[in-house]
């Protein structure tokens, strides 16, 4: 069967009518099959797909119609203008998490006044945070941990693909597998922070992502409690921690962070005006 790009897209849009981004999904999936840019679709709308291309496209559309995330279907998501491989063992990088990278780099001018900068990214997943920071700061020594061997395999692949060599990946639950004498100037994390009974765990892309990277107890704060308390012990004097939190957790998180012994606590808002990242300082 031969069918044009234009007609294939029209059929796809009809099939994906319940998607929140119907046209974009149809175009991205066809680009993936053809290994071409989106501009190609509009430049050559009458080009005919061969049987294999059309069959592959229909298969991808069926997966998307069943709810599978676009990032998992094509195996990639852009983050910090870099391409990251992702799969069912890793979270899908999201735009708001780029603000965490931005905050880390903004601290760079202060940290760079020190002789050696040691950074750790806890729960690295695809490695998007650690590798984005490492790309901008090749003189920083960065360690990245995850308890999932499968996630670390993805992160190492991304490091090799991007040619980034200043990140060491370690299988560890938080700091557990690290030398107890090792201390850090900066701790970064996008920890699990969703309550176990949250309704949006059963909606959208989240349904397909690893629950261990999302869910953190009844109030969603179990992982943040561990992160805040253990990091204080592993930070150098005058070190910093930056971590992501849920949309409604800022008031509870500031109490946790303050009571743990941090100071200079502030929150960075995302584009929706939500306090999305906590930045805190370990006193010297």
Protein backbone atom coordinates (compact mmCIF):
# COMPACT_ATOMS: atom_id res chain seq x y z
CA UNK A 1 0.00 0.00 0.00
CA UNK A 2 1.32 3.46 -0.93
CA UNK A 3 0.14 6.54 0.92
CA UNK A 4 1.39 10.11 0.94
CA UNK A 5 2.87 11.88 3.93
CA UNK A 6 -0.08 14.30 3.90
CA UNK A 7 -2.70 11.55 3.97
CA UNK A 8 -0.78 9.51 6.54
CA UNK A 9 -0.74 12.52 8.87
CA UNK A 10 -4.45 13.13 8.35
CA UNK A 11 -5.23 9.53 9.29
CA UNK A 12 -2.93 9.76 12.31
CA UNK A 13 -4.62 12.92 13.60
CA UNK A 14 -7.97 11.18 13.43
CA UNK A 15 -6.63 8.17 15.32
CA UNK A 16 -5.00 10.31 18.02
CA UNK A 17 -8.01 12.58 18.58
CA UNK A 18 -7.84 12.04 22.35
CA UNK A 19 -4.20 13.06 22.62
CA UNK A 20 -3.48 16.49 24.16
CA UNK A 21 -1.07 17.22 21.28
CA UNK A 22 -2.56 15.37 18.33
CA UNK A 23 -0.83 17.05 15.37
CA UNK A 24 2.54 17.25 17.07
CA UNK A 25 2.41 13.59 18.10
CA UNK A 26 1.54 12.53 14.55
CA UNK A 27 4.38 14.57 13.10
CA UNK A 28 7.02 13.51 15.64
CA UNK A 29 6.24 9.83 15.13
CA UNK A 30 6.39 10.10 11.35
CA UNK A 31 9.67 12.00 11.57
CA UNK A 32 11.01 9.16 13.71
CA UNK A 33 10.01 6.57 11.11
CA UNK A 34 11.44 8.57 8.21
CA UNK A 35 14.47 9.87 10.17
CA UNK A 36 13.71 13.33 8.84
CA UNK A 37 12.94 16.74 10.35
CA UNK A 38 9.42 18.12 10.73
CA UNK A 39 10.14 20.66 7.99
CA UNK A 40 10.61 17.73 5.61
CA UNK A 41 6.98 16.68 6.15
CA UNK A 42 5.73 20.06 4.94
CA UNK A 43 8.25 20.35 2.11
CA UNK A 44 7.38 16.94 0.63
CA UNK A 45 3.72 16.29 1.61
CA UNK A 46 3.05 14.18 -1.51
CA UNK A 47 6.00 11.85 -1.00
CA UNK A 48 4.79 8.25 -0.75
CA UNK A 49 5.61 6.03 2.21
CA UNK A 50 6.68 2.50 1.35
CA UNK A 51 4.97 -0.50 2.93
CA UNK A 52 7.52 -0.91 5.72
CA UNK A 53 7.44 2.79 6.65
CA UNK A 54 3.65 2.85 6.72
CA UNK A 55 3.46 -0.36 8.77
CA UNK A 56 6.00 0.99 11.27
CA UNK A 57 4.12 4.27 11.52
CA UNK A 58 0.80 2.53 12.20
CA UNK A 59 2.46 0.45 14.93
CA UNK A 60 3.80 3.57 16.66
CA UNK A 61 0.45 5.30 16.37
CA UNK A 62 -1.27 2.33 18.02
CA UNK A 63 1.11 2.57 20.96
CA UNK A 64 0.49 6.29 21.31
CA UNK A 65 -3.27 5.81 21.04
CA UNK A 66 -2.97 3.35 23.94
CA UNK A 67 -1.32 6.10 26.00
CA UNK A 68 2.38 5.28 25.72
CA UNK A 69 4.54 8.43 26.08
CA UNK A 70 6.06 9.84 22.91
CA UNK A 71 9.49 9.89 24.60
CA UNK A 72 9.37 6.15 25.25
CA UNK A 73 8.07 5.36 21.77
CA UNK A 74 10.89 7.23 20.01
CA UNK A 75 13.37 6.45 22.81
CA UNK A 76 14.55 10.01 23.28
CA UNK A 77 13.74 13.37 24.87
CA UNK A 78 15.54 16.68 24.52
CA UNK A 79 16.76 18.32 27.74
CA UNK A 80 19.03 21.36 28.05
CA UNK A 81 19.19 21.29 24.21
CA UNK A 82 20.78 17.84 24.37
CA UNK A 83 19.28 14.53 23.18
CA UNK A 84 18.84 11.97 25.97
CA UNK A 85 17.95 8.34 25.52
CA UNK A 86 15.07 7.35 27.82
CA UNK A 87 13.12 4.16 28.41
CA UNK A 88 10.74 2.58 30.92
CA UNK A 89 13.53 2.46 33.52
CA UNK A 90 13.97 6.25 33.61
CA UNK A 91 11.80 9.27 34.18
CA UNK A 92 11.05 11.40 31.16
CA UNK A 93 13.01 14.67 31.52
CA UNK A 94 10.71 17.67 31.85
CA UNK A 95 11.26 21.37 31.11
CA UNK A 96 10.83 22.46 34.73
CA UNK A 97 13.78 20.31 35.76
CA UNK A 98 16.01 22.42 33.51
CA UNK A 99 15.59 25.14 36.16
CA UNK A 100 17.52 22.89 38.55
CA UNK A 101 20.43 22.82 36.11
CA UNK A 102 20.14 26.59 35.72
CA UNK A 103 20.32 27.08 39.49
CA UNK A 104 23.37 24.84 39.77
CA UNK A 105 25.18 26.83 37.10
CA UNK A 106 24.23 30.12 38.75
CA UNK A 107 25.99 28.91 41.87
CA UNK A 108 29.00 28.19 39.69
CA UNK A 109 30.55 31.63 40.04
CA UNK A 110 30.67 31.18 43.80
CA UNK A 111 31.76 27.55 43.72
CA UNK A 112 34.42 28.18 41.09
CA UNK A 113 36.33 30.33 43.57
CA UNK A 114 37.17 27.07 45.35
CA UNK A 115 39.99 24.78 44.23
CA UNK A 116 38.05 21.60 43.43
CA UNK A 117 34.31 21.33 42.88
CA UNK A 118 32.69 18.03 43.81
CA UNK A 119 29.06 17.57 42.82
CA UNK A 120 26.66 14.67 43.23
CA UNK A 121 23.37 14.01 41.44
CA UNK A 122 21.24 11.61 43.47
CA UNK A 123 18.73 9.42 41.62
CA UNK A 124 20.18 10.37 38.26
CA UNK A 125 17.88 8.28 36.03
CA UNK A 126 18.79 9.08 32.41
CA UNK A 127 21.63 11.27 33.69
CA UNK A 128 20.06 14.42 32.27
CA UNK A 129 20.84 16.65 35.27
CA UNK A 130 24.40 15.46 35.89
CA UNK A 131 25.35 15.42 32.21
CA UNK A 132 23.83 18.84 31.48
CA UNK A 133 25.78 20.39 34.35
CA UNK A 134 28.92 18.48 33.34
CA UNK A 135 28.63 19.74 29.76
CA UNK A 136 28.64 23.34 31.01
CA UNK A 137 31.26 22.75 33.73
CA UNK A 138 33.88 20.32 32.37
CA UNK A 139 36.25 21.15 35.24
CA UNK A 140 33.75 19.98 37.89
CA UNK A 141 34.00 16.43 39.17
CA UNK A 142 30.52 14.96 39.24
CA UNK A 143 29.22 11.69 40.66
CA UNK A 144 25.74 10.40 39.85
CA UNK A 145 23.95 7.63 41.71
CA UNK A 146 20.87 5.54 41.11
CA UNK A 147 19.62 2.36 42.75
CA UNK A 148 18.52 1.02 39.35
CA UNK A 149 21.17 -0.78 37.28
CA UNK A 150 18.93 -0.40 34.22
CA UNK A 151 18.70 3.37 34.66
CA UNK A 152 22.48 3.64 35.06
CA UNK A 153 22.95 1.72 31.83
CA UNK A 154 20.89 4.41 30.08
CA UNK A 155 22.82 7.21 31.81
CA UNK A 156 26.19 5.74 30.80
CA UNK A 157 24.98 5.41 27.22
CA UNK A 158 23.98 9.10 27.25
CA UNK A 159 27.39 10.10 28.62
CA UNK A 160 29.18 8.17 25.87
CA UNK A 161 26.87 9.47 23.17
CA UNK A 162 27.37 13.08 24.26
CA UNK A 163 31.11 12.67 24.80
CA UNK A 164 30.96 13.81 28.43
CA UNK A 165 33.69 12.31 30.60
CA UNK A 166 33.56 14.13 33.92
CA UNK A 167 30.67 12.15 35.43
CA UNK A 168 31.13 8.92 37.39
CA UNK A 169 28.02 6.75 37.64
CA UNK A 170 27.56 4.62 40.75
CA UNK A 171 24.81 2.18 41.67
CA UNK A 172 23.71 3.33 45.09
CA UNK A 173 20.65 4.09 47.16
CA UNK A 174 21.33 7.72 47.94
CA UNK A 175 24.83 7.93 49.48
CA UNK A 176 24.96 4.32 50.70
CA UNK A 177 27.63 2.97 48.32
CA UNK A 178 29.89 6.03 48.54
CA UNK A 179 32.99 6.41 50.67
CA UNK A 180 31.82 7.97 53.93
CA UNK A 181 34.76 10.40 53.84
CA UNK A 182 33.69 11.91 50.50
CA UNK A 183 32.03 15.31 50.83
CA UNK A 184 30.48 17.56 48.24
CA UNK A 185 30.20 21.23 47.40
CA UNK A 186 26.83 20.70 45.75
CA UNK A 187 24.08 18.07 46.00
CA UNK A 188 21.51 17.90 43.20
CA UNK A 189 18.39 15.74 43.08
CA UNK A 190 15.02 15.27 41.46
CA UNK A 191 13.70 12.86 44.09
CA UNK A 192 10.38 11.01 44.20
CA UNK A 193 7.82 13.43 45.65
CA UNK A 194 4.34 12.21 44.69
CA UNK A 195 1.97 10.90 47.39
CA UNK A 196 1.06 7.26 46.92
CA UNK A 197 -2.66 7.99 46.56
CA UNK A 198 -2.28 10.96 44.18
CA UNK A 199 -4.85 10.70 41.36
CA UNK A 200 -2.48 11.93 38.66
CA UNK A 201 -0.40 8.76 39.05
CA UNK A 202 -3.09 7.22 36.86
CA UNK A 203 -3.09 9.93 34.21
CA UNK A 204 -0.96 10.72 31.17
CA UNK A 205 2.69 9.75 30.78
CA UNK A 206 3.18 9.18 34.52
CA UNK A 207 1.28 5.89 34.24
CA UNK A 208 4.19 4.43 32.27
CA UNK A 209 7.12 5.83 34.28
CA UNK A 210 8.92 3.88 37.05
CA UNK A 211 6.88 4.27 40.23
CA UNK A 212 10.00 4.03 42.40
CA UNK A 213 11.18 7.31 40.88
CA UNK A 214 7.84 9.01 41.49
CA UNK A 215 6.15 7.85 44.70
CA UNK A 216 7.41 8.74 48.18
CA UNK A 217 5.00 7.58 50.85
CA UNK A 218 1.64 8.82 52.00
CA UNK A 219 2.54 12.50 51.93
CA UNK A 220 5.09 12.37 49.11
CA UNK A 221 7.89 13.61 51.37
CA UNK A 222 9.64 10.41 52.44
CA UNK A 223 12.45 10.75 49.90
CA UNK A 224 12.90 14.47 50.55
CA UNK A 225 13.26 13.79 54.29
CA UNK A 226 16.06 11.31 53.60
CA UNK A 227 17.66 13.58 51.02
CA UNK A 228 17.69 16.64 53.26
CA UNK A 229 19.04 14.90 56.35
CA UNK A 230 21.66 12.71 54.68
CA UNK A 231 22.90 15.51 52.45
CA UNK A 232 23.61 17.76 55.41
CA UNK A 233 26.11 15.15 56.63
CA UNK A 234 27.76 14.84 53.21
CA UNK A 235 28.02 18.50 52.28
CA UNK A 236 31.17 20.48 52.89
CA UNK A 237 30.84 23.55 55.07
CA UNK A 238 29.21 26.28 52.98
CA UNK A 239 27.96 23.63 50.55
CA UNK A 240 24.60 23.78 48.81
CA UNK A 241 21.70 21.49 48.01
CA UNK A 242 19.21 21.98 45.18
CA UNK A 243 16.26 19.66 44.71
CA UNK A 244 12.89 19.50 42.99
CA UNK A 245 9.61 19.27 44.92
CA UNK A 246 5.90 18.90 44.32
CA UNK A 247 3.62 21.78 43.38
CA UNK A 248 2.05 22.00 46.86
CA UNK A 249 4.98 21.04 49.11
CA UNK A 250 6.92 24.28 49.63
CA UNK A 251 5.44 25.14 53.04
CA UNK A 252 6.20 21.67 54.43
CA UNK A 253 9.60 21.45 52.76
CA UNK A 254 10.85 24.72 54.23
CA UNK A 255 10.14 23.38 57.71
CA UNK A 256 12.00 20.16 56.96
CA UNK A 257 15.01 21.99 55.56
CA UNK A 258 15.17 24.59 58.33
CA UNK A 259 14.78 22.03 61.11
CA UNK A 260 17.55 19.91 59.58
CA UNK A 261 19.98 22.80 60.05
CA UNK A 262 20.25 24.57 56.70
CA UNK A 263 20.10 28.32 56.20
CA UNK A 264 19.71 30.73 53.26
CA UNK A 265 16.73 28.72 52.10
CA UNK A 266 14.94 29.90 48.98
CA UNK A 267 12.62 28.53 46.31
CA UNK A 268 12.83 28.91 42.57
CA UNK A 269 9.54 29.14 40.69
CA UNK A 270 8.77 27.45 37.39
CA UNK A 271 7.07 29.17 34.45
CA UNK A 272 3.67 28.55 36.04
CA UNK A 273 4.73 30.44 39.17
CA UNK A 274 4.96 27.26 41.28
CA UNK A 275 7.76 26.89 43.82
CA UNK A 276 9.47 24.01 42.06
CA UNK A 277 13.03 23.89 43.42
CA UNK A 278 14.47 24.36 46.88
CA UNK A 279 17.96 25.81 47.27
CA UNK A 280 19.57 25.63 50.73
CA UNK A 281 22.97 26.29 52.25
CA UNK A 282 24.88 24.30 54.84
CA UNK A 283 26.34 26.77 57.36
CA UNK A 284 30.10 27.10 57.57
